[in-house]
């Protein structure tokens, strides 16, 4: 038996004993998350480019697409616990990009640890929402206005029965007003302005100066 054939057999046996991924340097869970993020971003770019409801004007699509992102980073996807507001959900007014406050209800506070720091973000729904299909989590961080959109970014989370969520900042996205100032976009309230850097998710648009 040649040395080359022997090496191939040994490698095959090793793959039977332990799961072999296409890239052994990346754990399977991380590889799965990266693939999910890449699919999410491809779908978002496709929507922005092709959908009739895209906020990007036709004459700006060649400039703004594909959307700019940080490289996917599994360390920015972390578990969180939603501490639900007791009794009636508090109604708050949040500022918007056009200066007219929007009334929302605080469903609860997401508590999580990121890079060793304990953090929290409020999760909201529109005022008067009866059946919650999605939690709206606007936020800002120390990249806001530098590498990311000055008005902050958004996360959407689907409700869970357990109150345990995954906050994946790789899926943080810009509000529509980042591409078209005809939109009115809610801004993050003070409690959702994190004093840490979140270099994950979508960056500021290519044509946005400053």
C-alpha atoms as a PDB file:
ATOM      1  CA  UNK A   1       0.000   0.000   0.000  1.00  0.00           C
ATOM      2  CA  UNK A   2       1.411   3.364  -0.995  1.00  0.00           C
ATOM      3  CA  UNK A   3       1.972   6.070   1.608  1.00  0.00           C
ATOM      4  CA  UNK A   4      -0.500   8.352  -0.220  1.00  0.00           C
ATOM      5  CA  UNK A   5      -3.278   5.740  -0.140  1.00  0.00           C
ATOM      6  CA  UNK A   6      -2.537   4.995   3.520  1.00  0.00           C
ATOM      7  CA  UNK A   7      -2.891   8.697   4.361  1.00  0.00           C
ATOM      8  CA  UNK A   8      -6.268   8.857   2.587  1.00  0.00           C
ATOM      9  CA  UNK A   9      -7.568   5.859   4.521  1.00  0.00           C
ATOM     10  CA  UNK A  10      -6.383   7.260   7.854  1.00  0.00           C
ATOM     11  CA  UNK A  11      -8.101  10.564   7.118  1.00  0.00           C
ATOM     12  CA  UNK A  12     -11.344   8.790   6.188  1.00  0.00           C
ATOM     13  CA  UNK A  13     -11.295   6.766   9.408  1.00  0.00           C
ATOM     14  CA  UNK A  14     -10.708   9.946  11.415  1.00  0.00           C
ATOM     15  CA  UNK A  15     -13.765  11.526   9.790  1.00  0.00           C
ATOM     16  CA  UNK A  16     -15.869   8.554  10.831  1.00  0.00           C
ATOM     17  CA  UNK A  17     -14.721   8.854  14.440  1.00  0.00           C
ATOM     18  CA  UNK A  18     -15.410  12.607  14.659  1.00  0.00           C
ATOM     19  CA  UNK A  19     -17.664  14.787  12.513  1.00  0.00           C
ATOM     20  CA  UNK A  20     -15.692  16.435   9.726  1.00  0.00           C
ATOM     21  CA  UNK A  21     -16.855  19.824   8.504  1.00  0.00           C
ATOM     22  CA  UNK A  22     -15.976  21.321   5.140  1.00  0.00           C
ATOM     23  CA  UNK A  23     -13.672  23.691   7.027  1.00  0.00           C
ATOM     24  CA  UNK A  24     -12.272  22.036  10.164  1.00  0.00           C
ATOM     25  CA  UNK A  25     -11.077  25.451  11.421  1.00  0.00           C
ATOM     26  CA  UNK A  26     -14.728  26.569  11.824  1.00  0.00           C
ATOM     27  CA  UNK A  27     -16.932  24.719  14.356  1.00  0.00           C
ATOM     28  CA  UNK A  28     -20.126  23.294  12.879  1.00  0.00           C
ATOM     29  CA  UNK A  29     -22.367  25.645  14.898  1.00  0.00           C
ATOM     30  CA  UNK A  30     -20.424  28.689  13.732  1.00  0.00           C
ATOM     31  CA  UNK A  31     -20.423  27.502  10.125  1.00  0.00           C
ATOM     32  CA  UNK A  32     -24.202  27.057  10.287  1.00  0.00           C
ATOM     33  CA  UNK A  33     -24.666  30.559  11.725  1.00  0.00           C
ATOM     34  CA  UNK A  34     -22.424  32.102   9.070  1.00  0.00           C
ATOM     35  CA  UNK A  35     -24.380  30.352   6.325  1.00  0.00           C
ATOM     36  CA  UNK A  36     -27.677  31.560   7.828  1.00  0.00           C
ATOM     37  CA  UNK A  37     -26.401  35.148   7.978  1.00  0.00           C
ATOM     38  CA  UNK A  38     -25.142  35.009   4.406  1.00  0.00           C
ATOM     39  CA  UNK A  39     -28.527  33.703   3.222  1.00  0.00           C
ATOM     40  CA  UNK A  40     -30.334  36.438   5.180  1.00  0.00           C
ATOM     41  CA  UNK A  41     -28.145  39.109   3.591  1.00  0.00           C
ATOM     42  CA  UNK A  42     -28.550  37.706   0.082  1.00  0.00           C
ATOM     43  CA  UNK A  43     -32.332  37.742   0.521  1.00  0.00           C
ATOM     44  CA  UNK A  44     -32.240  41.322   1.808  1.00  0.00           C
ATOM     45  CA  UNK A  45     -30.105  42.476  -1.119  1.00  0.00           C
ATOM     46  CA  UNK A  46     -32.467  40.712  -3.518  1.00  0.00           C
ATOM     47  CA  UNK A  47     -35.438  42.479  -1.951  1.00  0.00           C
ATOM     48  CA  UNK A  48     -33.695  45.846  -2.151  1.00  0.00           C
ATOM     49  CA  UNK A  49     -32.785  45.280  -5.794  1.00  0.00           C
ATOM     50  CA  UNK A  50     -35.895  43.617  -7.206  1.00  0.00           C
ATOM     51  CA  UNK A  51     -38.961  44.221  -5.041  1.00  0.00           C
ATOM     52  CA  UNK A  52     -41.447  46.911  -6.022  1.00  0.00           C
ATOM     53  CA  UNK A  53     -41.564  48.036  -2.374  1.00  0.00           C
ATOM     54  CA  UNK A  54     -37.800  48.523  -2.117  1.00  0.00           C
ATOM     55  CA  UNK A  55     -36.984  51.841  -0.413  1.00  0.00           C
ATOM     56  CA  UNK A  56     -33.965  52.358  -2.663  1.00  0.00           C
ATOM     57  CA  UNK A  57     -34.779  54.609  -5.637  1.00  0.00           C
ATOM     58  CA  UNK A  58     -34.041  53.037  -9.015  1.00  0.00           C
ATOM     59  CA  UNK A  59     -31.348  55.603  -9.797  1.00  0.00           C
ATOM     60  CA  UNK A  60     -29.462  54.774  -6.580  1.00  0.00           C
ATOM     61  CA  UNK A  61     -29.422  50.993  -6.764  1.00  0.00           C
ATOM     62  CA  UNK A  62     -26.090  50.795  -8.576  1.00  0.00           C
ATOM     63  CA  UNK A  63     -24.553  53.018  -5.873  1.00  0.00           C
ATOM     64  CA  UNK A  64     -26.122  51.468  -2.771  1.00  0.00           C
ATOM     65  CA  UNK A  65     -26.108  47.786  -3.732  1.00  0.00           C
ATOM     66  CA  UNK A  66     -24.845  45.398  -2.655  1.00  0.00           C
ATOM     67  CA  UNK A  67     -25.365  46.633   0.901  1.00  0.00           C
ATOM     68  CA  UNK A  68     -22.176  46.960   2.975  1.00  0.00           C
ATOM     69  CA  UNK A  69     -21.771  44.602   5.946  1.00  0.00           C
ATOM     70  CA  UNK A  70     -19.251  43.577   8.528  1.00  0.00           C
ATOM     71  CA  UNK A  71     -18.014  40.025   8.024  1.00  0.00           C
ATOM     72  CA  UNK A  72     -20.252  37.533   9.865  1.00  0.00           C
ATOM     73  CA  UNK A  73     -18.983  36.999  13.409  1.00  0.00           C
ATOM     74  CA  UNK A  74     -20.574  34.250  15.543  1.00  0.00           C
ATOM     75  CA  UNK A  75     -19.395  35.961  18.743  1.00  0.00           C
ATOM     76  CA  UNK A  76     -22.030  38.664  18.116  1.00  0.00           C
ATOM     77  CA  UNK A  77     -24.889  36.156  18.316  1.00  0.00           C
ATOM     78  CA  UNK A  78     -25.733  35.705  21.998  1.00  0.00           C
ATOM     79  CA  UNK A  79     -28.573  34.331  24.137  1.00  0.00           C
ATOM     80  CA  UNK A  80     -30.869  36.810  25.880  1.00  0.00           C
ATOM     81  CA  UNK A  81     -33.667  36.655  28.426  1.00  0.00           C
ATOM     82  CA  UNK A  82     -36.735  38.811  27.937  1.00  0.00           C
ATOM     83  CA  UNK A  83     -37.968  40.271  31.205  1.00  0.00           C
ATOM     84  CA  UNK A  84     -41.581  41.018  30.305  1.00  0.00           C
ATOM     85  CA  UNK A  85     -43.255  44.212  31.486  1.00  0.00           C
ATOM     86  CA  UNK A  86     -45.662  43.406  34.314  1.00  0.00           C
ATOM     87  CA  UNK A  87     -49.323  44.349  33.929  1.00  0.00           C
ATOM     88  CA  UNK A  88     -50.232  46.663  31.070  1.00  0.00           C
ATOM     89  CA  UNK A  89     -47.394  47.266  28.630  1.00  0.00           C
ATOM     90  CA  UNK A  90     -45.956  50.776  29.196  1.00  0.00           C
ATOM     91  CA  UNK A  91     -46.577  53.197  26.332  1.00  0.00           C
ATOM     92  CA  UNK A  92     -43.599  55.303  25.284  1.00  0.00           C
ATOM     93  CA  UNK A  93     -42.927  57.974  22.722  1.00  0.00           C
ATOM     94  CA  UNK A  94     -39.791  57.463  20.660  1.00  0.00           C
ATOM     95  CA  UNK A  95     -38.336  60.136  18.377  1.00  0.00           C
ATOM     96  CA  UNK A  96     -38.345  59.644  14.614  1.00  0.00           C
ATOM     97  CA  UNK A  97     -36.238  60.794  11.693  1.00  0.00           C
ATOM     98  CA  UNK A  98     -38.858  63.445  10.838  1.00  0.00           C
ATOM     99  CA  UNK A  99     -39.135  64.780  14.383  1.00  0.00           C
ATOM    100  CA  UNK A 100     -42.649  63.481  15.055  1.00  0.00           C
ATOM    101  CA  UNK A 101     -42.692  61.083  18.036  1.00  0.00           C
ATOM    102  CA  UNK A 102     -44.140  57.608  17.526  1.00  0.00           C
ATOM    103  CA  UNK A 103     -46.013  55.816  20.276  1.00  0.00           C
ATOM    104  CA  UNK A 104     -44.866  52.279  21.034  1.00  0.00           C
ATOM    105  CA  UNK A 105     -45.391  49.759  23.811  1.00  0.00           C
ATOM    106  CA  UNK A 106     -42.498  48.304  25.787  1.00  0.00           C
ATOM    107  CA  UNK A 107     -42.956  44.529  25.769  1.00  0.00           C
ATOM    108  CA  UNK A 108     -39.951  43.950  27.977  1.00  0.00           C
ATOM    109  CA  UNK A 109     -36.206  44.228  28.386  1.00  0.00           C
ATOM    110  CA  UNK A 110     -33.763  41.829  26.768  1.00  0.00           C
ATOM    111  CA  UNK A 111     -30.833  41.100  29.091  1.00  0.00           C
ATOM    112  CA  UNK A 112     -27.699  39.503  27.691  1.00  0.00           C
ATOM    113  CA  UNK A 113     -23.922  39.320  27.993  1.00  0.00           C
ATOM    114  CA  UNK A 114     -21.722  40.356  25.085  1.00  0.00           C
ATOM    115  CA  UNK A 115     -17.937  40.176  25.178  1.00  0.00           C
ATOM    116  CA  UNK A 116     -18.104  39.806  28.958  1.00  0.00           C
ATOM    117  CA  UNK A 117     -20.347  42.852  29.476  1.00  0.00           C
ATOM    118  CA  UNK A 118     -23.910  42.696  30.775  1.00  0.00           C
ATOM    119  CA  UNK A 119     -26.190  44.715  28.515  1.00  0.00           C
ATOM    120  CA  UNK A 120     -29.898  45.332  28.002  1.00  0.00           C
ATOM    121  CA  UNK A 121     -32.169  46.460  25.171  1.00  0.00           C
ATOM    122  CA  UNK A 122     -35.848  47.346  25.216  1.00  0.00           C
ATOM    123  CA  UNK A 123     -38.126  45.368  22.883  1.00  0.00           C
ATOM    124  CA  UNK A 124     -41.172  47.140  21.452  1.00  0.00           C
ATOM    125  CA  UNK A 125     -44.362  46.784  19.407  1.00  0.00           C
ATOM    126  CA  UNK A 126     -46.577  49.446  17.876  1.00  0.00           C
ATOM    127  CA  UNK A 127     -49.140  50.904  20.264  1.00  0.00           C
ATOM    128  CA  UNK A 128     -52.339  48.886  20.255  1.00  0.00           C
ATOM    129  CA  UNK A 129     -50.745  45.641  19.043  1.00  0.00           C
ATOM    130  CA  UNK A 130     -52.832  42.684  20.180  1.00  0.00           C
ATOM    131  CA  UNK A 131     -51.056  39.685  18.676  1.00  0.00           C
ATOM    132  CA  UNK A 132     -47.279  40.025  18.759  1.00  0.00           C
ATOM    133  CA  UNK A 133     -45.661  38.545  15.658  1.00  0.00           C
ATOM    134  CA  UNK A 134     -42.345  40.383  15.950  1.00  0.00           C
ATOM    135  CA  UNK A 135     -40.396  42.357  18.545  1.00  0.00           C
ATOM    136  CA  UNK A 136     -38.839  45.604  17.356  1.00  0.00           C
ATOM    137  CA  UNK A 137     -35.412  46.353  18.860  1.00  0.00           C
ATOM    138  CA  UNK A 138     -33.856  49.653  17.708  1.00  0.00           C
ATOM    139  CA  UNK A 139     -30.355  50.323  19.011  1.00  0.00           C
ATOM    140  CA  UNK A 140     -27.300  52.500  18.716  1.00  0.00           C
ATOM    141  CA  UNK A 141     -23.719  51.816  19.808  1.00  0.00           C
ATOM    142  CA  UNK A 142     -20.325  53.488  19.637  1.00  0.00           C
ATOM    143  CA  UNK A 143     -19.994  52.699  15.914  1.00  0.00           C
ATOM    144  CA  UNK A 144     -23.152  54.761  15.252  1.00  0.00           C
ATOM    145  CA  UNK A 145     -22.334  57.796  13.130  1.00  0.00           C
ATOM    146  CA  UNK A 146     -18.864  56.455  12.414  1.00  0.00           C
ATOM    147  CA  UNK A 147     -18.999  53.083  10.677  1.00  0.00           C
ATOM    148  CA  UNK A 148     -22.744  52.570  10.958  1.00  0.00           C
ATOM    149  CA  UNK A 149     -25.822  54.649  10.143  1.00  0.00           C
ATOM    150  CA  UNK A 150     -26.090  57.789  12.353  1.00  0.00           C
ATOM    151  CA  UNK A 151     -29.755  57.180  13.224  1.00  0.00           C
ATOM    152  CA  UNK A 152     -29.041  53.701  14.591  1.00  0.00           C
ATOM    153  CA  UNK A 153     -29.982  50.210  13.448  1.00  0.00           C
ATOM    154  CA  UNK A 154     -32.745  47.670  14.000  1.00  0.00           C
ATOM    155  CA  UNK A 155     -33.210  44.043  15.015  1.00  0.00           C
ATOM    156  CA  UNK A 156     -36.400  41.993  14.631  1.00  0.00           C
ATOM    157  CA  UNK A 157     -37.045  39.031  16.916  1.00  0.00           C
ATOM    158  CA  UNK A 158     -39.806  36.450  16.707  1.00  0.00           C
ATOM    159  CA  UNK A 159     -41.566  35.799  20.039  1.00  0.00           C
ATOM    160  CA  UNK A 160     -40.679  32.594  21.868  1.00  0.00           C
ATOM    161  CA  UNK A 161     -42.703  30.633  24.418  1.00  0.00           C
ATOM    162  CA  UNK A 162     -39.699  30.347  26.738  1.00  0.00           C
ATOM    163  CA  UNK A 163     -38.650  33.998  26.891  1.00  0.00           C
ATOM    164  CA  UNK A 164     -35.181  32.934  25.727  1.00  0.00           C
ATOM    165  CA  UNK A 165     -33.969  34.607  22.544  1.00  0.00           C
ATOM    166  CA  UNK A 166     -30.894  34.801  20.380  1.00  0.00           C
ATOM    167  CA  UNK A 167     -29.794  38.340  19.648  1.00  0.00           C
ATOM    168  CA  UNK A 168     -27.785  38.136  16.440  1.00  0.00           C
ATOM    169  CA  UNK A 169     -26.205  41.481  15.712  1.00  0.00           C
ATOM    170  CA  UNK A 170     -24.995  40.059  12.392  1.00  0.00           C
ATOM    171  CA  UNK A 171     -28.596  40.644  11.270  1.00  0.00           C
ATOM    172  CA  UNK A 172     -28.704  44.280  12.412  1.00  0.00           C
ATOM    173  CA  UNK A 173     -30.051  46.381   9.565  1.00  0.00           C
ATOM    174  CA  UNK A 174     -30.522  50.024   8.644  1.00  0.00           C
ATOM    175  CA  UNK A 175     -33.937  51.730   8.717  1.00  0.00           C
ATOM    176  CA  UNK A 176     -35.457  52.604   5.345  1.00  0.00           C
ATOM    177  CA  UNK A 177     -34.712  56.287   5.879  1.00  0.00           C
ATOM    178  CA  UNK A 178     -31.034  55.403   5.405  1.00  0.00           C
ATOM    179  CA  UNK A 179     -31.796  54.985   1.691  1.00  0.00           C
ATOM    180  CA  UNK A 180     -34.735  57.305   1.148  1.00  0.00           C
ATOM    181  CA  UNK A 181     -35.577  60.362   3.277  1.00  0.00           C
ATOM    182  CA  UNK A 182     -39.259  60.093   2.426  1.00  0.00           C
ATOM    183  CA  UNK A 183     -39.527  57.428   5.128  1.00  0.00           C
ATOM    184  CA  UNK A 184     -40.144  58.220   8.796  1.00  0.00           C
ATOM    185  CA  UNK A 185     -38.074  55.941  10.989  1.00  0.00           C
ATOM    186  CA  UNK A 186     -38.163  55.475  14.779  1.00  0.00           C
ATOM    187  CA  UNK A 187     -34.876  56.248  16.534  1.00  0.00           C
ATOM    188  CA  UNK A 188     -33.432  54.272  19.455  1.00  0.00           C
ATOM    189  CA  UNK A 189     -34.587  55.594  22.843  1.00  0.00           C
ATOM    190  CA  UNK A 190     -31.867  56.500  25.387  1.00  0.00           C
ATOM    191  CA  UNK A 191     -32.016  53.093  27.119  1.00  0.00           C
ATOM    192  CA  UNK A 192     -31.193  51.384  23.803  1.00  0.00           C
ATOM    193  CA  UNK A 193     -28.047  53.373  23.177  1.00  0.00           C
ATOM    194  CA  UNK A 194     -25.265  50.949  24.089  1.00  0.00           C
ATOM    195  CA  UNK A 195     -21.940  52.275  25.289  1.00  0.00           C
ATOM    196  CA  UNK A 196     -20.034  49.524  23.509  1.00  0.00           C
ATOM    197  CA  UNK A 197     -19.044  48.914  19.900  1.00  0.00           C
ATOM    198  CA  UNK A 198     -21.122  46.483  17.850  1.00  0.00           C
ATOM    199  CA  UNK A 199     -19.033  45.954  14.694  1.00  0.00           C
ATOM    200  CA  UNK A 200     -21.524  43.477  13.256  1.00  0.00           C
ATOM    201  CA  UNK A 201     -24.394  43.669  10.815  1.00  0.00           C
ATOM    202  CA  UNK A 202     -25.022  46.382   8.262  1.00  0.00           C
ATOM    203  CA  UNK A 203     -22.727  49.374   7.863  1.00  0.00           C
ATOM    204  CA  UNK A 204     -23.797  52.865   6.821  1.00  0.00           C
ATOM    205  CA  UNK A 205     -24.846  53.249   3.159  1.00  0.00           C
ATOM    206  CA  UNK A 206     -22.141  53.733   0.597  1.00  0.00           C
ATOM    207  CA  UNK A 207     -23.282  57.253  -0.318  1.00  0.00           C
ATOM    208  CA  UNK A 208     -23.663  58.508   3.276  1.00  0.00           C
ATOM    209  CA  UNK A 209     -20.928  60.963   4.228  1.00  0.00           C
ATOM    210  CA  UNK A 210     -19.816  61.540   7.781  1.00  0.00           C
END
